[in-house]
């Protein structure tokens, strides 16, 4: 495996990932972004805590008001999150369920 030192970078370089295979991992052991065109591969290893914090920040900063695609993404993210939370212990699930009920802004949910 070849490694390169990208810093200090003197110029801005852009990598277009259209029509490329892009994989992202943010598990607790390693986080990375892997981009491949089938014969070449770029693997960027990123600190897991930084990657997770950046994902959370980006979700909070998304503007869903005018984008149906972003709304679908958020709905799927919520469903996937609930699926994972269902694997928690009951007291952890109860805490998160209470948080949701107490913080959701809708007339449908009775506090």
PDB file of N, CA and C in Angstrom:
ATOM      1  N   UNK A   1       0.849  -1.176   0.000  1.00  0.00           N
ATOM      2  CA  UNK A   1       0.000   0.000   0.000  1.00  0.00           C
ATOM      3  C   UNK A   1       0.894   1.239   0.000  1.00  0.00           C
ATOM      4  N   UNK A   2       0.620   2.141  -0.909  1.00  0.00           N
ATOM      5  CA  UNK A   2       1.337   3.404  -0.945  1.00  0.00           C
ATOM      6  C   UNK A   2       0.648   4.399  -0.029  1.00  0.00           C
ATOM      7  N   UNK A   3       1.421   5.191   0.678  1.00  0.00           N
ATOM      8  CA  UNK A   3       0.860   6.271   1.476  1.00  0.00           C
ATOM      9  C   UNK A   3       1.467   7.568   0.989  1.00  0.00           C
ATOM     10  N   UNK A   4       0.668   8.621   1.071  1.00  0.00           N
ATOM     11  CA  UNK A   4       1.147   9.929   0.657  1.00  0.00           C
ATOM     12  C   UNK A   4       0.838  10.947   1.740  1.00  0.00           C
ATOM     13  N   UNK A   5       1.680  11.940   1.850  1.00  0.00           N
ATOM     14  CA  UNK A   5       1.459  13.035   2.781  1.00  0.00           C
ATOM     15  C   UNK A   5       0.758  14.148   2.022  1.00  0.00           C
ATOM     16  N   UNK A   6      -0.511  14.379   2.329  1.00  0.00           N
ATOM     17  CA  UNK A   6      -1.291  15.387   1.627  1.00  0.00           C
ATOM     18  C   UNK A   6      -1.096  16.779   2.197  1.00  0.00           C
ATOM     19  N   UNK A   7      -0.457  16.897   3.346  1.00  0.00           N
ATOM     20  CA  UNK A   7      -0.350  18.203   3.992  1.00  0.00           C
ATOM     21  C   UNK A   7       1.100  18.557   4.207  1.00  0.00           C
ATOM     22  N   UNK A   8       1.532  19.753   4.027  1.00  0.00           N
ATOM     23  CA  UNK A   8       0.654  20.892   3.694  1.00  0.00           C
ATOM     24  C   UNK A   8       0.270  20.884   2.216  1.00  0.00           C
ATOM     25  N   UNK A   9      -0.976  21.178   1.951  1.00  0.00           N
ATOM     26  CA  UNK A   9      -1.495  21.246   0.592  1.00  0.00           C
ATOM     27  C   UNK A   9      -1.367  22.687   0.116  1.00  0.00           C
ATOM     28  N   UNK A  10      -0.732  22.861  -1.012  1.00  0.00           N
ATOM     29  CA  UNK A  10      -0.559  24.208  -1.536  1.00  0.00           C
ATOM     30  C   UNK A  10      -1.684  24.618  -2.471  1.00  0.00           C
ATOM     31  N   UNK A  11      -2.394  23.654  -3.023  1.00  0.00           N
ATOM     32  CA  UNK A  11      -3.498  23.964  -3.919  1.00  0.00           C
ATOM     33  C   UNK A  11      -4.694  23.110  -3.533  1.00  0.00           C
ATOM     34  N   UNK A  12      -5.856  23.546  -3.933  1.00  0.00           N
ATOM     35  CA  UNK A  12      -7.080  22.787  -3.705  1.00  0.00           C
ATOM     36  C   UNK A  12      -7.207  21.732  -4.793  1.00  0.00           C
ATOM     37  N   UNK A  13      -7.442  20.499  -4.391  1.00  0.00           N
ATOM     38  CA  UNK A  13      -7.650  19.425  -5.350  1.00  0.00           C
ATOM     39  C   UNK A  13      -9.028  18.828  -5.098  1.00  0.00           C
ATOM     40  N   UNK A  14      -9.757  18.569  -6.160  1.00  0.00           N
ATOM     41  CA  UNK A  14     -11.106  18.024  -6.066  1.00  0.00           C
ATOM     42  C   UNK A  14     -11.134  16.651  -6.715  1.00  0.00           C
ATOM     43  N   UNK A  15     -11.780  15.720  -6.048  1.00  0.00           N
ATOM     44  CA  UNK A  15     -11.960  14.374  -6.577  1.00  0.00           C
ATOM     45  C   UNK A  15     -13.450  14.172  -6.819  1.00  0.00           C
ATOM     46  N   UNK A  16     -13.851  14.028  -8.059  1.00  0.00           N
ATOM     47  CA  UNK A  16     -15.245  13.819  -8.430  1.00  0.00           C
ATOM     48  C   UNK A  16     -15.563  12.334  -8.283  1.00  0.00           C
ATOM     49  N   UNK A  17     -16.550  12.004  -7.465  1.00  0.00           N
ATOM     50  CA  UNK A  17     -16.869  10.598  -7.213  1.00  0.00           C
ATOM     51  C   UNK A  17     -18.064  10.103  -8.029  1.00  0.00           C
ATOM     52  N   UNK A  18     -18.516  10.896  -8.997  1.00  0.00           N
ATOM     53  CA  UNK A  18     -19.587  10.407  -9.869  1.00  0.00           C
ATOM     54  C   UNK A  18     -19.115   9.155 -10.588  1.00  0.00           C
ATOM     55  N   UNK A  19     -19.998   8.178 -10.655  1.00  0.00           N
ATOM     56  CA  UNK A  19     -19.719   6.905 -11.327  1.00  0.00           C
ATOM     57  C   UNK A  19     -18.555   6.149 -10.696  1.00  0.00           C
ATOM     58  N   UNK A  20     -18.321   6.393  -9.440  1.00  0.00           N
ATOM     59  CA  UNK A  20     -17.292   5.673  -8.693  1.00  0.00           C
ATOM     60  C   UNK A  20     -17.974   4.948  -7.535  1.00  0.00           C
ATOM     61  N   UNK A  21     -17.350   3.907  -7.058  1.00  0.00           N
ATOM     62  CA  UNK A  21     -17.838   3.165  -5.911  1.00  0.00           C
ATOM     63  C   UNK A  21     -17.336   3.874  -4.650  1.00  0.00           C
ATOM     64  N   UNK A  22     -18.255   4.386  -3.841  1.00  0.00           N
ATOM     65  CA  UNK A  22     -17.884   5.092  -2.617  1.00  0.00           C
ATOM     66  C   UNK A  22     -18.445   4.321  -1.427  1.00  0.00           C
ATOM     67  N   UNK A  23     -17.575   4.013  -0.465  1.00  0.00           N
ATOM     68  CA  UNK A  23     -17.978   3.334   0.773  1.00  0.00           C
ATOM     69  C   UNK A  23     -17.515   4.177   1.939  1.00  0.00           C
ATOM     70  N   UNK A  24     -18.357   4.242   2.980  1.00  0.00           N
ATOM     71  CA  UNK A  24     -18.027   4.990   4.184  1.00  0.00           C
ATOM     72  C   UNK A  24     -18.286   4.085   5.374  1.00  0.00           C
ATOM     73  N   UNK A  25     -17.349   4.046   6.305  1.00  0.00           N
ATOM     74  CA  UNK A  25     -17.511   3.268   7.525  1.00  0.00           C
ATOM     75  C   UNK A  25     -17.290   4.189   8.713  1.00  0.00           C
ATOM     76  N   UNK A  26     -18.152   4.072   9.731  1.00  0.00           N
ATOM     77  CA  UNK A  26     -17.971   4.884  10.943  1.00  0.00           C
ATOM     78  C   UNK A  26     -18.101   4.032  12.196  1.00  0.00           C
ATOM     79  N   UNK A  27     -17.673   2.779  12.121  1.00  0.00           N
ATOM     80  CA  UNK A  27     -17.797   1.942  13.311  1.00  0.00           C
ATOM     81  C   UNK A  27     -16.756   2.351  14.355  1.00  0.00           C
ATOM     82  N   UNK A  28     -16.796   1.687  15.488  1.00  0.00           N
ATOM     83  CA  UNK A  28     -15.944   2.100  16.605  1.00  0.00           C
ATOM     84  C   UNK A  28     -14.486   1.695  16.432  1.00  0.00           C
ATOM     85  N   UNK A  29     -14.194   0.790  15.520  1.00  0.00           N
ATOM     86  CA  UNK A  29     -12.813   0.332  15.343  1.00  0.00           C
ATOM     87  C   UNK A  29     -12.031   1.185  14.348  1.00  0.00           C
ATOM     88  N   UNK A  30     -12.689   1.553  13.251  1.00  0.00           N
ATOM     89  CA  UNK A  30     -12.033   2.445  12.299  1.00  0.00           C
ATOM     90  C   UNK A  30     -13.092   3.156  11.474  1.00  0.00           C
ATOM     91  N   UNK A  31     -12.748   4.332  11.018  1.00  0.00           N
ATOM     92  CA  UNK A  31     -13.626   5.084  10.129  1.00  0.00           C
ATOM     93  C   UNK A  31     -12.833   5.402   8.874  1.00  0.00           C
ATOM     94  N   UNK A  32     -13.503   5.283   7.757  1.00  0.00           N
ATOM     95  CA  UNK A  32     -12.805   5.557   6.519  1.00  0.00           C
ATOM     96  C   UNK A  32     -13.785   5.943   5.430  1.00  0.00           C
ATOM     97  N   UNK A  33     -13.248   6.568   4.408  1.00  0.00           N
ATOM     98  CA  UNK A  33     -13.948   6.807   3.158  1.00  0.00           C
ATOM     99  C   UNK A  33     -13.109   6.110   2.098  1.00  0.00           C
ATOM    100  N   UNK A  34     -13.733   5.214   1.359  1.00  0.00           N
ATOM    101  CA  UNK A  34     -13.040   4.456   0.319  1.00  0.00           C
ATOM    102  C   UNK A  34     -13.699   4.784  -1.020  1.00  0.00           C
ATOM    103  N   UNK A  35     -12.889   5.215  -1.986  1.00  0.00           N
ATOM    104  CA  UNK A  35     -13.379   5.561  -3.318  1.00  0.00           C
ATOM    105  C   UNK A  35     -12.610   4.705  -4.319  1.00  0.00           C
ATOM    106  N   UNK A  36     -13.372   4.052  -5.210  1.00  0.00           N
ATOM    107  CA  UNK A  36     -12.737   3.152  -6.168  1.00  0.00           C
ATOM    108  C   UNK A  36     -13.387   3.304  -7.538  1.00  0.00           C
ATOM    109  N   UNK A  37     -12.575   3.168  -8.577  1.00  0.00           N
ATOM    110  CA  UNK A  37     -13.111   3.144  -9.939  1.00  0.00           C
ATOM    111  C   UNK A  37     -13.032   1.736 -10.521  1.00  0.00           C
ATOM    112  N   UNK A  38     -12.751   0.761  -9.692  1.00  0.00           N
ATOM    113  CA  UNK A  38     -12.649  -0.626 -10.136  1.00  0.00           C
ATOM    114  C   UNK A  38     -11.212  -1.099 -10.226  1.00  0.00           C
ATOM    115  N   UNK A  39     -10.327  -0.224 -10.648  1.00  0.00           N
ATOM    116  CA  UNK A  39      -8.920  -0.614 -10.734  1.00  0.00           C
ATOM    117  C   UNK A  39      -8.035   0.187  -9.786  1.00  0.00           C
ATOM    118  N   UNK A  40      -8.490   1.366  -9.398  1.00  0.00           N
ATOM    119  CA  UNK A  40      -7.747   2.211  -8.468  1.00  0.00           C
ATOM    120  C   UNK A  40      -8.605   2.468  -7.239  1.00  0.00           C
ATOM    121  N   UNK A  41      -7.945   2.661  -6.126  1.00  0.00           N
ATOM    122  CA  UNK A  41      -8.679   2.856  -4.879  1.00  0.00           C
ATOM    123  C   UNK A  41      -7.986   3.909  -4.018  1.00  0.00           C
ATOM    124  N   UNK A  42      -8.791   4.807  -3.450  1.00  0.00           N
ATOM    125  CA  UNK A  42      -8.311   5.788  -2.490  1.00  0.00           C
ATOM    126  C   UNK A  42      -8.998   5.479  -1.170  1.00  0.00           C
ATOM    127  N   UNK A  43      -8.222   5.268  -0.118  1.00  0.00           N
ATOM    128  CA  UNK A  43      -8.758   4.947   1.194  1.00  0.00           C
ATOM    129  C   UNK A  43      -8.291   6.022   2.172  1.00  0.00           C
ATOM    130  N   UNK A  44      -9.232   6.796   2.732  1.00  0.00           N
ATOM    131  CA  UNK A  44      -8.908   7.853   3.681  1.00  0.00           C
ATOM    132  C   UNK A  44      -9.378   7.402   5.056  1.00  0.00           C
ATOM    133  N   UNK A  45      -8.445   7.190   5.964  1.00  0.00           N
ATOM    134  CA  UNK A  45      -8.787   6.759   7.325  1.00  0.00           C
ATOM    135  C   UNK A  45      -8.976   8.003   8.173  1.00  0.00           C
ATOM    136  N   UNK A  46     -10.097   8.046   8.904  1.00  0.00           N
ATOM    137  CA  UNK A  46     -10.480   9.222   9.681  1.00  0.00           C
ATOM    138  C   UNK A  46     -10.778   8.776  11.111  1.00  0.00           C
ATOM    139  N   UNK A  47     -10.384   9.585  12.081  1.00  0.00           N
ATOM    140  CA  UNK A  47     -10.691   9.297  13.477  1.00  0.00           C
ATOM    141  C   UNK A  47     -12.201   9.091  13.637  1.00  0.00           C
ATOM    142  N   UNK A  48     -12.602   7.996  14.288  1.00  0.00           N
ATOM    143  CA  UNK A  48     -14.024   7.639  14.402  1.00  0.00           C
ATOM    144  C   UNK A  48     -14.849   8.705  15.108  1.00  0.00           C
ATOM    145  N   UNK A  49     -14.329   9.263  16.183  1.00  0.00           N
ATOM    146  CA  UNK A  49     -15.091  10.287  16.916  1.00  0.00           C
ATOM    147  C   UNK A  49     -15.288  11.541  16.068  1.00  0.00           C
ATOM    148  N   UNK A  50     -14.279  11.908  15.309  1.00  0.00           N
ATOM    149  CA  UNK A  50     -14.401  13.073  14.429  1.00  0.00           C
ATOM    150  C   UNK A  50     -15.431  12.798  13.344  1.00  0.00           C
ATOM    151  N   UNK A  51     -15.371  11.623  12.734  1.00  0.00           N
ATOM    152  CA  UNK A  51     -16.312  11.263  11.675  1.00  0.00           C
ATOM    153  C   UNK A  51     -17.747  11.268  12.198  1.00  0.00           C
ATOM    154  N   UNK A  52     -17.976  10.668  13.354  1.00  0.00           N
ATOM    155  CA  UNK A  52     -19.323  10.614  13.919  1.00  0.00           C
ATOM    156  C   UNK A  52     -19.830  12.014  14.257  1.00  0.00           C
ATOM    157  N   UNK A  53     -18.970  12.858  14.843  1.00  0.00           N
ATOM    158  CA  UNK A  53     -19.363  14.230  15.184  1.00  0.00           C
ATOM    159  C   UNK A  53     -19.709  15.018  13.922  1.00  0.00           C
ATOM    160  N   UNK A  54     -18.948  14.820  12.862  1.00  0.00           N
ATOM    161  CA  UNK A  54     -19.210  15.529  11.605  1.00  0.00           C
ATOM    162  C   UNK A  54     -20.529  15.083  10.982  1.00  0.00           C
ATOM    163  N   UNK A  55     -20.833  13.803  11.058  1.00  0.00           N
ATOM    164  CA  UNK A  55     -22.105  13.307  10.521  1.00  0.00           C
ATOM    165  C   UNK A  55     -23.264  13.908  11.294  1.00  0.00           C
ATOM    166  N   UNK A  56     -23.169  13.915  12.633  1.00  0.00           N
ATOM    167  CA  UNK A  56     -24.236  14.520  13.439  1.00  0.00           C
ATOM    168  C   UNK A  56     -24.412  15.999  13.113  1.00  0.00           C
ATOM    169  N   UNK A  57     -23.294  16.720  12.985  1.00  0.00           N
ATOM    170  CA  UNK A  57     -23.348  18.146  12.663  1.00  0.00           C
ATOM    171  C   UNK A  57     -24.010  18.364  11.307  1.00  0.00           C
ATOM    172  N   UNK A  58     -23.675  17.522  10.335  1.00  0.00           N
ATOM    173  CA  UNK A  58     -24.250  17.672   9.006  1.00  0.00           C
ATOM    174  C   UNK A  58     -25.744  17.373   8.992  1.00  0.00           C
ATOM    175  N   UNK A  59     -26.189  16.386   9.748  1.00  0.00           N
ATOM    176  CA  UNK A  59     -27.625  16.099   9.826  1.00  0.00           C
ATOM    177  C   UNK A  59     -28.350  17.296  10.443  1.00  0.00           C
ATOM    178  N   UNK A  60     -27.786  17.872  11.505  1.00  0.00           N
ATOM    179  CA  UNK A  60     -28.413  19.036  12.141  1.00  0.00           C
ATOM    180  C   UNK A  60     -28.452  20.246  11.218  1.00  0.00           C
ATOM    181  N   UNK A  61     -27.484  20.379  10.331  1.00  0.00           N
ATOM    182  CA  UNK A  61     -27.410  21.545   9.445  1.00  0.00           C
ATOM    183  C   UNK A  61     -28.153  21.372   8.126  1.00  0.00           C
ATOM    184  N   UNK A  62     -28.705  20.177   7.867  1.00  0.00           N
ATOM    185  CA  UNK A  62     -29.427  19.958   6.610  1.00  0.00           C
ATOM    186  C   UNK A  62     -30.716  20.771   6.589  1.00  0.00           C
ATOM    187  N   UNK A  63     -31.018  21.335   5.436  1.00  0.00           N
ATOM    188  CA  UNK A  63     -32.273  22.053   5.247  1.00  0.00           C
ATOM    189  C   UNK A  63     -33.236  21.121   4.529  1.00  0.00           C
ATOM    190  N   UNK A  64     -34.221  20.628   5.245  1.00  0.00           N
ATOM    191  CA  UNK A  64     -35.169  19.652   4.706  1.00  0.00           C
ATOM    192  C   UNK A  64     -36.408  20.303   4.116  1.00  0.00           C
ATOM    193  N   UNK A  65     -36.555  21.601   4.307  1.00  0.00           N
ATOM    194  CA  UNK A  65     -37.792  22.289   3.937  1.00  0.00           C
ATOM    195  C   UNK A  65     -38.163  22.127   2.468  1.00  0.00           C
ATOM    196  N   UNK A  66     -37.198  22.201   1.570  1.00  0.00           N
ATOM    197  CA  UNK A  66     -37.499  22.181   0.140  1.00  0.00           C
ATOM    198  C   UNK A  66     -37.000  20.937  -0.584  1.00  0.00           C
ATOM    199  N   UNK A  67     -36.519  19.959   0.148  1.00  0.00           N
ATOM    200  CA  UNK A  67     -35.918  18.799  -0.500  1.00  0.00           C
ATOM    201  C   UNK A  67     -36.598  17.507  -0.066  1.00  0.00           C
ATOM    202  N   UNK A  68     -37.335  16.916  -0.987  1.00  0.00           N
ATOM    203  CA  UNK A  68     -37.985  15.635  -0.702  1.00  0.00           C
ATOM    204  C   UNK A  68     -36.944  14.537  -0.516  1.00  0.00           C
ATOM    205  N   UNK A  69     -35.850  14.603  -1.255  1.00  0.00           N
ATOM    206  CA  UNK A  69     -34.787  13.598  -1.113  1.00  0.00           C
ATOM    207  C   UNK A  69     -34.187  13.647   0.288  1.00  0.00           C
ATOM    208  N   UNK A  70     -33.972  14.842   0.815  1.00  0.00           N
ATOM    209  CA  UNK A  70     -33.419  14.970   2.165  1.00  0.00           C
ATOM    210  C   UNK A  70     -34.429  14.512   3.217  1.00  0.00           C
ATOM    211  N   UNK A  71     -35.713  14.758   2.976  1.00  0.00           N
ATOM    212  CA  UNK A  71     -36.751  14.267   3.901  1.00  0.00           C
ATOM    213  C   UNK A  71     -36.770  12.739   3.910  1.00  0.00           C
ATOM    214  N   UNK A  72     -36.678  12.126   2.723  1.00  0.00           N
ATOM    215  CA  UNK A  72     -36.641  10.662   2.652  1.00  0.00           C
ATOM    216  C   UNK A  72     -35.417  10.131   3.387  1.00  0.00           C
ATOM    217  N   UNK A  73     -34.276  10.808   3.215  1.00  0.00           N
ATOM    218  CA  UNK A  73     -33.059  10.406   3.914  1.00  0.00           C
ATOM    219  C   UNK A  73     -33.258  10.462   5.425  1.00  0.00           C
ATOM    220  N   UNK A  74     -33.806  11.565   5.927  1.00  0.00           N
ATOM    221  CA  UNK A  74     -34.002  11.716   7.371  1.00  0.00           C
ATOM    222  C   UNK A  74     -34.979  10.669   7.903  1.00  0.00           C
ATOM    223  N   UNK A  75     -36.043  10.389   7.158  1.00  0.00           N
ATOM    224  CA  UNK A  75     -37.002   9.358   7.577  1.00  0.00           C
ATOM    225  C   UNK A  75     -36.329   7.991   7.652  1.00  0.00           C
ATOM    226  N   UNK A  76     -35.518   7.665   6.648  1.00  0.00           N
ATOM    227  CA  UNK A  76     -34.827   6.376   6.653  1.00  0.00           C
ATOM    228  C   UNK A  76     -33.799   6.318   7.769  1.00  0.00           C
ATOM    229  N   UNK A  77     -33.099   7.422   7.996  1.00  0.00           N
ATOM    230  CA  UNK A  77     -32.143   7.495   9.104  1.00  0.00           C
ATOM    231  C   UNK A  77     -32.857   7.258  10.438  1.00  0.00           C
ATOM    232  N   UNK A  78     -34.022   7.863  10.605  1.00  0.00           N
ATOM    233  CA  UNK A  78     -34.803   7.679  11.832  1.00  0.00           C
ATOM    234  C   UNK A  78     -35.222   6.210  11.994  1.00  0.00           C
ATOM    235  N   UNK A  79     -35.732   5.605  10.928  1.00  0.00           N
ATOM    236  CA  UNK A  79     -36.161   4.201  10.993  1.00  0.00           C
ATOM    237  C   UNK A  79     -34.982   3.286  11.325  1.00  0.00           C
ATOM    238  N   UNK A  80     -33.840   3.536  10.681  1.00  0.00           N
ATOM    239  CA  UNK A  80     -32.659   2.721  10.963  1.00  0.00           C
ATOM    240  C   UNK A  80     -32.180   2.926  12.399  1.00  0.00           C
ATOM    241  N   UNK A  81     -32.274   4.149  12.881  1.00  0.00           N
ATOM    242  CA  UNK A  81     -31.872   4.448  14.263  1.00  0.00           C
ATOM    243  C   UNK A  81     -32.777   3.720  15.249  1.00  0.00           C
ATOM    244  N   UNK A  82     -34.069   3.745  15.002  1.00  0.00           N
ATOM    245  CA  UNK A  82     -35.007   3.041  15.888  1.00  0.00           C
ATOM    246  C   UNK A  82     -34.714   1.543  15.889  1.00  0.00           C
ATOM    247  N   UNK A  83     -34.403   0.999  14.726  1.00  0.00           N
ATOM    248  CA  UNK A  83     -34.065  -0.423  14.635  1.00  0.00           C
ATOM    249  C   UNK A  83     -32.851  -0.751  15.514  1.00  0.00           C
ATOM    250  N   UNK A  84     -31.854   0.114  15.506  1.00  0.00           N
ATOM    251  CA  UNK A  84     -30.670  -0.104  16.333  1.00  0.00           C
ATOM    252  C   UNK A  84     -30.967   0.122  17.812  1.00  0.00           C
ATOM    253  N   UNK A  85     -31.760   1.150  18.128  1.00  0.00           N
ATOM    254  CA  UNK A  85     -32.112   1.438  19.519  1.00  0.00           C
ATOM    255  C   UNK A  85     -32.898   0.273  20.118  1.00  0.00           C
ATOM    256  N   UNK A  86     -33.679  -0.409  19.312  1.00  0.00           N
ATOM    257  CA  UNK A  86     -34.444  -1.557  19.811  1.00  0.00           C
ATOM    258  C   UNK A  86     -33.547  -2.679  20.324  1.00  0.00           C
ATOM    259  N   UNK A  87     -32.257  -2.633  20.018  1.00  0.00           N
ATOM    260  CA  UNK A  87     -31.304  -3.618  20.529  1.00  0.00           C
ATOM    261  C   UNK A  87     -30.749  -3.225  21.900  1.00  0.00           C
ATOM    262  N   UNK A  88     -31.059  -2.011  22.355  1.00  0.00           N
ATOM    263  CA  UNK A  88     -30.589  -1.532  23.659  1.00  0.00           C
ATOM    264  C   UNK A  88     -31.332  -2.234  24.784  1.00  0.00           C
ATOM    265  N   UNK A  89     -30.816  -2.078  25.981  1.00  0.00           N
ATOM    266  CA  UNK A  89     -31.528  -2.554  27.173  1.00  0.00           C
ATOM    267  C   UNK A  89     -32.771  -1.698  27.373  1.00  0.00           C
ATOM    268  N   UNK A  90     -33.782  -2.276  28.063  1.00  0.00           N
ATOM    269  CA  UNK A  90     -35.067  -1.596  28.222  1.00  0.00           C
ATOM    270  C   UNK A  90     -34.940  -0.206  28.840  1.00  0.00           C
ATOM    271  N   UNK A  91     -34.086  -0.047  29.858  1.00  0.00           N
ATOM    272  CA  UNK A  91     -33.982   1.265  30.502  1.00  0.00           C
ATOM    273  C   UNK A  91     -33.391   2.313  29.547  1.00  0.00           C
ATOM    274  N   UNK A  92     -32.485   1.898  28.668  1.00  0.00           N
ATOM    275  CA  UNK A  92     -31.936   2.822  27.674  1.00  0.00           C
ATOM    276  C   UNK A  92     -32.991   3.183  26.633  1.00  0.00           C
ATOM    277  N   UNK A  93     -33.787   2.184  26.228  1.00  0.00           N
ATOM    278  CA  UNK A  93     -34.867   2.447  25.275  1.00  0.00           C
ATOM    279  C   UNK A  93     -35.906   3.378  25.891  1.00  0.00           C
ATOM    280  N   UNK A  94     -36.243   3.148  27.165  1.00  0.00           N
ATOM    281  CA  UNK A  94     -37.221   3.999  27.850  1.00  0.00           C
ATOM    282  C   UNK A  94     -36.746   5.448  27.904  1.00  0.00           C
ATOM    283  N   UNK A  95     -35.458   5.645  28.174  1.00  0.00           N
ATOM    284  CA  UNK A  95     -34.899   6.990  28.240  1.00  0.00           C
ATOM    285  C   UNK A  95     -35.030   7.705  26.886  1.00  0.00           C
ATOM    286  N   UNK A  96     -34.694   6.991  25.808  1.00  0.00           N
ATOM    287  CA  UNK A  96     -34.773   7.601  24.485  1.00  0.00           C
ATOM    288  C   UNK A  96     -36.213   7.810  24.030  1.00  0.00           C
ATOM    289  N   UNK A  97     -37.105   6.889  24.371  1.00  0.00           N
ATOM    290  CA  UNK A  97     -38.515   7.054  24.029  1.00  0.00           C
ATOM    291  C   UNK A  97     -39.087   8.273  24.748  1.00  0.00           C
ATOM    292  N   UNK A  98     -38.749   8.439  26.019  1.00  0.00           N
ATOM    293  CA  UNK A  98     -39.216   9.604  26.773  1.00  0.00           C
ATOM    294  C   UNK A  98     -38.668  10.893  26.167  1.00  0.00           C
ATOM    295  N   UNK A  99     -37.406  10.879  25.766  1.00  0.00           N
ATOM    296  CA  UNK A  99     -36.820  12.056  25.137  1.00  0.00           C
ATOM    297  C   UNK A  99     -37.587  12.417  23.865  1.00  0.00           C
ATOM    298  N   UNK A 100     -37.871  11.412  23.054  1.00  0.00           N
ATOM    299  CA  UNK A 100     -38.597  11.655  21.806  1.00  0.00           C
ATOM    300  C   UNK A 100     -39.970  12.251  22.076  1.00  0.00           C
ATOM    301  N   UNK A 101     -40.721  11.639  22.966  1.00  0.00           N
ATOM    302  CA  UNK A 101     -42.076  12.109  23.267  1.00  0.00           C
ATOM    303  C   UNK A 101     -42.044  13.528  23.827  1.00  0.00           C
ATOM    304  N   UNK A 102     -41.076  13.819  24.676  1.00  0.00           N
ATOM    305  CA  UNK A 102     -41.007  15.136  25.305  1.00  0.00           C
ATOM    306  C   UNK A 102     -40.462  16.225  24.385  1.00  0.00           C
ATOM    307  N   UNK A 103     -39.848  15.846  23.280  1.00  0.00           N
ATOM    308  CA  UNK A 103     -39.208  16.843  22.431  1.00  0.00           C
ATOM    309  C   UNK A 103     -39.751  16.955  21.018  1.00  0.00           C
ATOM    310  N   UNK A 104     -40.624  16.046  20.616  1.00  0.00           N
ATOM    311  CA  UNK A 104     -41.198  16.111  19.276  1.00  0.00           C
ATOM    312  C   UNK A 104     -42.264  17.210  19.244  1.00  0.00           C
ATOM    313  N   UNK A 105     -42.252  18.017  18.212  1.00  0.00           N
ATOM    314  CA  UNK A 105     -43.202  19.126  18.091  1.00  0.00           C
ATOM    315  C   UNK A 105     -44.331  18.746  17.161  1.00  0.00           C
ATOM    316  N   UNK A 106     -45.364  18.141  17.716  1.00  0.00           N
ATOM    317  CA  UNK A 106     -46.531  17.774  16.926  1.00  0.00           C
ATOM    318  C   UNK A 106     -47.735  17.688  17.851  1.00  0.00           C
ATOM    319  N   UNK A 107     -48.897  17.965  17.296  1.00  0.00           N
ATOM    320  CA  UNK A 107     -50.120  17.873  18.095  1.00  0.00           C
ATOM    321  C   UNK A 107     -50.557  16.437  18.267  1.00  0.00           C
ATOM    322  N   UNK A 108     -49.987  15.508  17.520  1.00  0.00           N
ATOM    323  CA  UNK A 108     -50.353  14.094  17.573  1.00  0.00           C
ATOM    324  C   UNK A 108     -49.844  13.399  18.830  1.00  0.00           C
ATOM    325  N   UNK A 109     -48.706  13.827  19.340  1.00  0.00           N
ATOM    326  CA  UNK A 109     -48.094  13.175  20.485  1.00  0.00           C
ATOM    327  C   UNK A 109     -48.548  13.868  21.768  1.00  0.00           C
ATOM    328  N   UNK A 110     -49.091  13.095  22.680  1.00  0.00           N
ATOM    329  CA  UNK A 110     -49.549  13.631  23.959  1.00  0.00           C
ATOM    330  C   UNK A 110     -48.449  13.451  24.988  1.00  0.00           C
ATOM    331  N   UNK A 111     -48.042  14.539  25.617  1.00  0.00           N
ATOM    332  CA  UNK A 111     -46.987  14.476  26.623  1.00  0.00           C
ATOM    333  C   UNK A 111     -47.549  14.065  27.966  1.00  0.00           C
TER     334      UNK A 111
END
